[in-house]
Amino acid sequence: MLRKKSNARLDEDICVHIFTASAGMVGVCITVIGIFQVITTLRREGTLGDDLLAINAILYLATTILSYWALRTRNQRRNLLLEKVIDILFLVALTFTTVVAGVITWAMTFT
């Protein structure tokens, strides 16, 4: 019984961390999109980077919303399912962040 409560507490703790990290990453993506808009206006050429960052922000927003839902739900089965989906989506968003950083670097270097 004690182990079950400990695991539930750990899952909730992880959910809180993913919630705050995802919310912060939405802000980061939006900030970089703004910076990108200034750069592309000055250079008078568009890039794919800001579009990819917008998709990335949406992935982080979905992770944030699902994390909030997992923190608020009392149904144990739903909570476990949400946590699996959240973990996968958060890792996909982090991987996509790295890919976008590479695309932005490549675009800025070769244009």
C-alpha atoms as a PDB file:
ATOM      1  CA  MET A   1       0.000   0.000   0.000  1.00  0.00           C
ATOM      2  CA  LEU A   2       2.840   2.361   0.874  1.00  0.00           C
ATOM      3  CA  ARG A   3       4.580   1.587  -2.412  1.00  0.00           C
ATOM      4  CA  LYS A   4       1.402   2.375  -4.384  1.00  0.00           C
ATOM      5  CA  LYS A   5       1.107   5.778  -2.692  1.00  0.00           C
ATOM      6  CA  SER A   6       4.794   6.452  -3.314  1.00  0.00           C
ATOM      7  CA  ASN A   7       4.437   5.658  -7.029  1.00  0.00           C
ATOM      8  CA  ALA A   8       1.316   7.832  -7.295  1.00  0.00           C
ATOM      9  CA  ARG A   9       3.177  10.691  -5.631  1.00  0.00           C
ATOM     10  CA  LEU A  10       6.145  10.260  -7.997  1.00  0.00           C
ATOM     11  CA  ASP A  11       3.829  10.234 -11.032  1.00  0.00           C
ATOM     12  CA  GLU A  12       2.155  13.411  -9.831  1.00  0.00           C
ATOM     13  CA  ASP A  13       5.544  15.021  -9.238  1.00  0.00           C
ATOM     14  CA  ILE A  14       6.686  14.149 -12.779  1.00  0.00           C
ATOM     15  CA  CYS A  15       3.424  15.534 -14.152  1.00  0.00           C
ATOM     16  CA  VAL A  16       4.007  18.829 -12.340  1.00  0.00           C
ATOM     17  CA  HIS A  17       7.529  19.078 -13.772  1.00  0.00           C
ATOM     18  CA  ILE A  18       6.349  18.334 -17.314  1.00  0.00           C
ATOM     19  CA  PHE A  19       3.525  20.857 -16.890  1.00  0.00           C
ATOM     20  CA  THR A  20       5.876  23.676 -15.871  1.00  0.00           C
ATOM     21  CA  ALA A  21       8.580  22.781 -18.423  1.00  0.00           C
ATOM     22  CA  SER A  22       6.074  22.594 -21.277  1.00  0.00           C
ATOM     23  CA  ALA A  23       4.478  25.892 -20.335  1.00  0.00           C
ATOM     24  CA  GLY A  24       7.911  27.500 -20.273  1.00  0.00           C
ATOM     25  CA  MET A  25       8.795  26.019 -23.656  1.00  0.00           C
ATOM     26  CA  VAL A  26       5.623  27.499 -25.190  1.00  0.00           C
ATOM     27  CA  GLY A  27       6.932  30.903 -24.102  1.00  0.00           C
ATOM     28  CA  VAL A  28      10.378  30.160 -25.498  1.00  0.00           C
ATOM     29  CA  CYS A  29       8.932  29.139 -28.873  1.00  0.00           C
ATOM     30  CA  ILE A  30       6.791  32.271 -29.061  1.00  0.00           C
ATOM     31  CA  THR A  31       9.778  34.476 -28.160  1.00  0.00           C
ATOM     32  CA  VAL A  32      11.978  32.879 -30.815  1.00  0.00           C
ATOM     33  CA  ILE A  33       9.179  33.250 -33.393  1.00  0.00           C
ATOM     34  CA  GLY A  34       9.124  36.991 -32.619  1.00  0.00           C
ATOM     35  CA  ILE A  35      12.897  37.245 -32.991  1.00  0.00           C
ATOM     36  CA  PHE A  36      12.686  35.275 -36.211  1.00  0.00           C
ATOM     37  CA  GLN A  37      10.094  37.672 -37.589  1.00  0.00           C
ATOM     38  CA  VAL A  38      12.432  40.612 -36.944  1.00  0.00           C
ATOM     39  CA  ILE A  39      15.336  38.839 -38.650  1.00  0.00           C
ATOM     40  CA  THR A  40      13.307  37.789 -41.696  1.00  0.00           C
ATOM     41  CA  THR A  41      11.908  41.312 -42.033  1.00  0.00           C
ATOM     42  CA  LEU A  42      15.408  42.801 -42.003  1.00  0.00           C
ATOM     43  CA  ARG A  43      16.745  40.221 -44.463  1.00  0.00           C
ATOM     44  CA  ARG A  44      13.613  40.406 -46.637  1.00  0.00           C
ATOM     45  CA  GLU A  45      13.416  36.645 -46.972  1.00  0.00           C
ATOM     46  CA  GLY A  46      11.268  34.044 -45.313  1.00  0.00           C
ATOM     47  CA  THR A  47      12.338  30.806 -43.706  1.00  0.00           C
ATOM     48  CA  LEU A  48      10.679  27.630 -42.568  1.00  0.00           C
ATOM     49  CA  GLY A  49      11.962  28.102 -39.010  1.00  0.00           C
ATOM     50  CA  ASP A  50       9.110  30.194 -37.656  1.00  0.00           C
ATOM     51  CA  ASP A  51       6.518  27.770 -39.033  1.00  0.00           C
ATOM     52  CA  LEU A  52       8.302  24.847 -37.403  1.00  0.00           C
ATOM     53  CA  LEU A  53       8.506  26.767 -34.120  1.00  0.00           C
ATOM     54  CA  ALA A  54       4.759  27.388 -34.256  1.00  0.00           C
ATOM     55  CA  ILE A  55       4.166  23.637 -34.619  1.00  0.00           C
ATOM     56  CA  ASN A  56       6.580  23.055 -31.754  1.00  0.00           C
ATOM     57  CA  ALA A  57       4.700  25.527 -29.553  1.00  0.00           C
ATOM     58  CA  ILE A  58       1.462  23.661 -30.306  1.00  0.00           C
ATOM     59  CA  LEU A  59       3.081  20.358 -29.263  1.00  0.00           C
ATOM     60  CA  TYR A  60       4.207  21.902 -25.968  1.00  0.00           C
ATOM     61  CA  LEU A  61       0.782  23.465 -25.448  1.00  0.00           C
ATOM     62  CA  ALA A  62      -0.869  20.062 -25.933  1.00  0.00           C
ATOM     63  CA  THR A  63       1.552  18.579 -23.404  1.00  0.00           C
ATOM     64  CA  THR A  64       0.767  21.378 -20.947  1.00  0.00           C
ATOM     65  CA  ILE A  65      -2.994  20.922 -21.289  1.00  0.00           C
ATOM     66  CA  LEU A  66      -2.779  17.144 -20.928  1.00  0.00           C
ATOM     67  CA  SER A  67      -0.510  17.505 -17.881  1.00  0.00           C
ATOM     68  CA  TYR A  68      -3.003  19.837 -16.281  1.00  0.00           C
ATOM     69  CA  TRP A  69      -5.787  17.369 -17.021  1.00  0.00           C
ATOM     70  CA  ALA A  70      -3.761  14.534 -15.478  1.00  0.00           C
ATOM     71  CA  LEU A  71      -3.178  16.596 -12.346  1.00  0.00           C
ATOM     72  CA  ARG A  72      -6.889  17.345 -12.036  1.00  0.00           C
ATOM     73  CA  THR A  73      -8.333  13.896 -12.771  1.00  0.00           C
ATOM     74  CA  ARG A  74      -9.170  11.490  -9.970  1.00  0.00           C
ATOM     75  CA  ASN A  75      -9.715   8.451 -12.207  1.00  0.00           C
ATOM     76  CA  GLN A  76      -6.630   6.241 -11.766  1.00  0.00           C
ATOM     77  CA  ARG A  77      -6.923   4.440 -15.140  1.00  0.00           C
ATOM     78  CA  ARG A  78      -7.352   7.699 -17.034  1.00  0.00           C
ATOM     79  CA  ASN A  79      -4.458   9.196 -15.121  1.00  0.00           C
ATOM     80  CA  LEU A  80      -2.112   6.351 -16.091  1.00  0.00           C
ATOM     81  CA  LEU A  81      -3.114   6.628 -19.747  1.00  0.00           C
ATOM     82  CA  LEU A  82      -2.680  10.400 -19.719  1.00  0.00           C
ATOM     83  CA  GLU A  83       0.756  10.092 -18.153  1.00  0.00           C
ATOM     84  CA  LYS A  84       1.929   7.715 -20.880  1.00  0.00           C
ATOM     85  CA  VAL A  85       0.614  10.019 -23.601  1.00  0.00           C
ATOM     86  CA  ILE A  86       2.165  13.054 -21.893  1.00  0.00           C
ATOM     87  CA  ASP A  87       5.562  11.385 -21.608  1.00  0.00           C
ATOM     88  CA  ILE A  88       5.587  10.426 -25.277  1.00  0.00           C
ATOM     89  CA  LEU A  89       4.323  13.815 -26.466  1.00  0.00           C
ATOM     90  CA  PHE A  90       6.844  15.687 -24.314  1.00  0.00           C
ATOM     91  CA  LEU A  91       9.732  13.623 -25.695  1.00  0.00           C
ATOM     92  CA  VAL A  92       8.463  14.163 -29.251  1.00  0.00           C
ATOM     93  CA  ALA A  93       8.294  17.920 -28.605  1.00  0.00           C
ATOM     94  CA  LEU A  94      11.820  17.960 -27.164  1.00  0.00           C
ATOM     95  CA  THR A  95      13.141  16.011 -30.146  1.00  0.00           C
ATOM     96  CA  PHE A  96      11.322  18.360 -32.506  1.00  0.00           C
ATOM     97  CA  THR A  97      12.909  21.320 -30.688  1.00  0.00           C
ATOM     98  CA  THR A  98      16.341  19.917 -31.487  1.00  0.00           C
ATOM     99  CA  VAL A  99      15.405  19.334 -35.128  1.00  0.00           C
ATOM    100  CA  VAL A 100      14.049  22.887 -35.414  1.00  0.00           C
ATOM    101  CA  ALA A 101      17.259  24.266 -33.893  1.00  0.00           C
ATOM    102  CA  GLY A 102      19.231  22.390 -36.554  1.00  0.00           C
ATOM    103  CA  VAL A 103      16.979  23.653 -39.351  1.00  0.00           C
ATOM    104  CA  ILE A 104      17.264  27.237 -38.106  1.00  0.00           C
ATOM    105  CA  THR A 105      21.030  26.991 -37.831  1.00  0.00           C
ATOM    106  CA  TRP A 106      21.292  25.483 -41.301  1.00  0.00           C
ATOM    107  CA  ALA A 107      18.980  28.124 -42.793  1.00  0.00           C
ATOM    108  CA  MET A 108      20.876  30.998 -41.204  1.00  0.00           C
ATOM    109  CA  THR A 109      24.266  29.598 -42.207  1.00  0.00           C
ATOM    110  CA  PHE A 110      23.538  28.877 -45.861  1.00  0.00           C
ATOM    111  CA  THR A 111      21.389  31.887 -46.781  1.00  0.00           C
END
